[in-house]
C-alpha atoms as a PDB file:
ATOM      1  CA  MET A   1     109.794 102.050  99.678  1.00  0.00           C
ATOM      2  CA  VAL A   2     106.946 103.821  97.958  1.00  0.00           C
ATOM      3  CA  CYS A   3     103.516 104.547  99.415  1.00  0.00           C
ATOM      4  CA  ALA A   4     100.161 105.351  97.858  1.00  0.00           C
ATOM      5  CA  GLU A   5      96.723 106.114  99.201  1.00  0.00           C
ATOM      6  CA  GLU A   6      95.126 103.613  96.824  1.00  0.00           C
ATOM      7  CA  ASP A   7      94.424 100.027  97.878  1.00  0.00           C
ATOM      8  CA  ASP A   8      95.325  98.669  94.426  1.00  0.00           C
ATOM      9  CA  VAL A   9      99.053  97.947  93.998  1.00  0.00           C
ATOM     10  CA  ASN A  10      98.678  98.486  90.243  1.00  0.00           C
ATOM     11  CA  VAL A  11      98.986 102.235  90.929  1.00  0.00           C
ATOM     12  CA  PHE A  12     102.702 101.626  91.512  1.00  0.00           C
ATOM     13  CA  GLU A  13     103.381 100.433  87.944  1.00  0.00           C
ATOM     14  CA  GLY A  14     104.619 103.815  86.702  1.00  0.00           C
ATOM     15  CA  ILE A  15     107.015 104.566  89.535  1.00  0.00           C
ATOM     16  CA  VAL A  16     108.336 100.998  89.559  1.00  0.00           C
ATOM     17  CA  LYS A  17     109.043 101.156  85.823  1.00  0.00           C
ATOM     18  CA  ILE A  18     110.894 104.468  86.199  1.00  0.00           C
ATOM     19  CA  TYR A  19     112.874 103.134  89.173  1.00  0.00           C
ATOM     20  CA  LYS A  20     113.891 100.030  87.198  1.00  0.00           C
ATOM     21  CA  LEU A  21     115.017 102.145  84.241  1.00  0.00           C
ATOM     22  CA  ILE A  22     117.122 104.359  86.514  1.00  0.00           C
ATOM     23  CA  SER A  23     118.614 101.468  88.485  1.00  0.00           C
ATOM     24  CA  ASP A  24     119.481  99.583  85.288  1.00  0.00           C
ATOM     25  CA  SER A  25     121.155 102.614  83.739  1.00  0.00           C
ATOM     26  CA  GLN A  26     123.153 103.254  86.935  1.00  0.00           C
ATOM     27  CA  GLY A  27     124.116  99.602  87.409  1.00  0.00           C
ATOM     28  CA  TRP A  28     122.441  99.396  90.797  1.00  0.00           C
ATOM     29  CA  GLU A  29     121.609  96.006  92.280  1.00  0.00           C
ATOM     30  CA  ASN A  30     117.958  96.009  93.268  1.00  0.00           C
ATOM     31  CA  ARG A  31     117.262  94.240  96.558  1.00  0.00           C
ATOM     32  CA  GLU A  32     113.523  94.766  96.727  1.00  0.00           C
ATOM     33  CA  ILE A  33     110.806  97.178  95.746  1.00  0.00           C
ATOM     34  CA  LEU A  34     108.470  97.832  98.650  1.00  0.00           C
ATOM     35  CA  MET A  35     105.033  99.027  97.620  1.00  0.00           C
ATOM     36  CA  ILE A  36     102.852 100.032 100.548  1.00  0.00           C
ATOM     37  CA  PRO A  37      99.215 100.716  99.647  1.00  0.00           C
ATOM     38  CA  SER A  38      96.535 102.390 101.779  1.00  0.00           C
ATOM     39  CA  VAL A  39      98.734 105.211 103.117  1.00  0.00           C
ATOM     40  CA  ASN A  40      96.639 108.361 102.905  1.00  0.00           C
ATOM     41  CA  LYS A  41      97.065 110.335 106.118  1.00  0.00           C
ATOM     42  CA  ILE A  42      99.958 111.042 108.442  1.00  0.00           C
ATOM     43  CA  GLY A  43     100.552 107.919 110.505  1.00  0.00           C
ATOM     44  CA  ASP A  44      98.742 105.518 108.158  1.00  0.00           C
ATOM     45  CA  ILE A  45     102.002 103.741 107.374  1.00  0.00           C
ATOM     46  CA  ASN A  46     102.140 102.678 111.017  1.00  0.00           C
ATOM     47  CA  THR A  47      99.104 100.463 110.400  1.00  0.00           C
ATOM     48  CA  THR A  48     100.930  98.547 107.631  1.00  0.00           C
ATOM     49  CA  ASN A  49     103.777  96.058 107.691  1.00  0.00           C
ATOM     50  CA  GLY A  50     105.986  98.405 105.615  1.00  0.00           C
ATOM     51  CA  PHE A  51     108.561  99.125 108.309  1.00  0.00           C
ATOM     52  CA  GLU A  52     108.793  95.446 109.234  1.00  0.00           C
ATOM     53  CA  LEU A  53     109.387  94.512 105.579  1.00  0.00           C
ATOM     54  CA  ALA A  54     112.044  97.224 105.215  1.00  0.00           C
ATOM     55  CA  LYS A  55     113.770  96.086 108.400  1.00  0.00           C
ATOM     56  CA  ASN A  56     113.861  92.460 107.246  1.00  0.00           C
ATOM     57  CA  ILE A  57     115.318  93.452 103.890  1.00  0.00           C
ATOM     58  CA  GLY A  58     117.944  95.577 105.615  1.00  0.00           C
ATOM     59  CA  LEU A  59     118.924  92.792 107.975  1.00  0.00           C
ATOM     60  CA  ASN A  60     119.380  90.384 105.051  1.00  0.00           C
ATOM     61  CA  ILE A  61     121.570  92.613 102.870  1.00  0.00           C
ATOM     62  CA  LEU A  62     124.878  91.336 104.206  1.00  0.00           C
END
């Protein structure tokens, strides 16, 4: 899960590319990349569906 204060998910392009390069080189199996925009201040993530998305991914791993 990665958060940014911007509303535009395009701001995640750099970190997603780096993550993919690292995961490919390490042989990791990627389950999902969670990009949560509009997180600027402490507590802002609580107004998003980020935790719900993460929970659903976790419950579906097995």
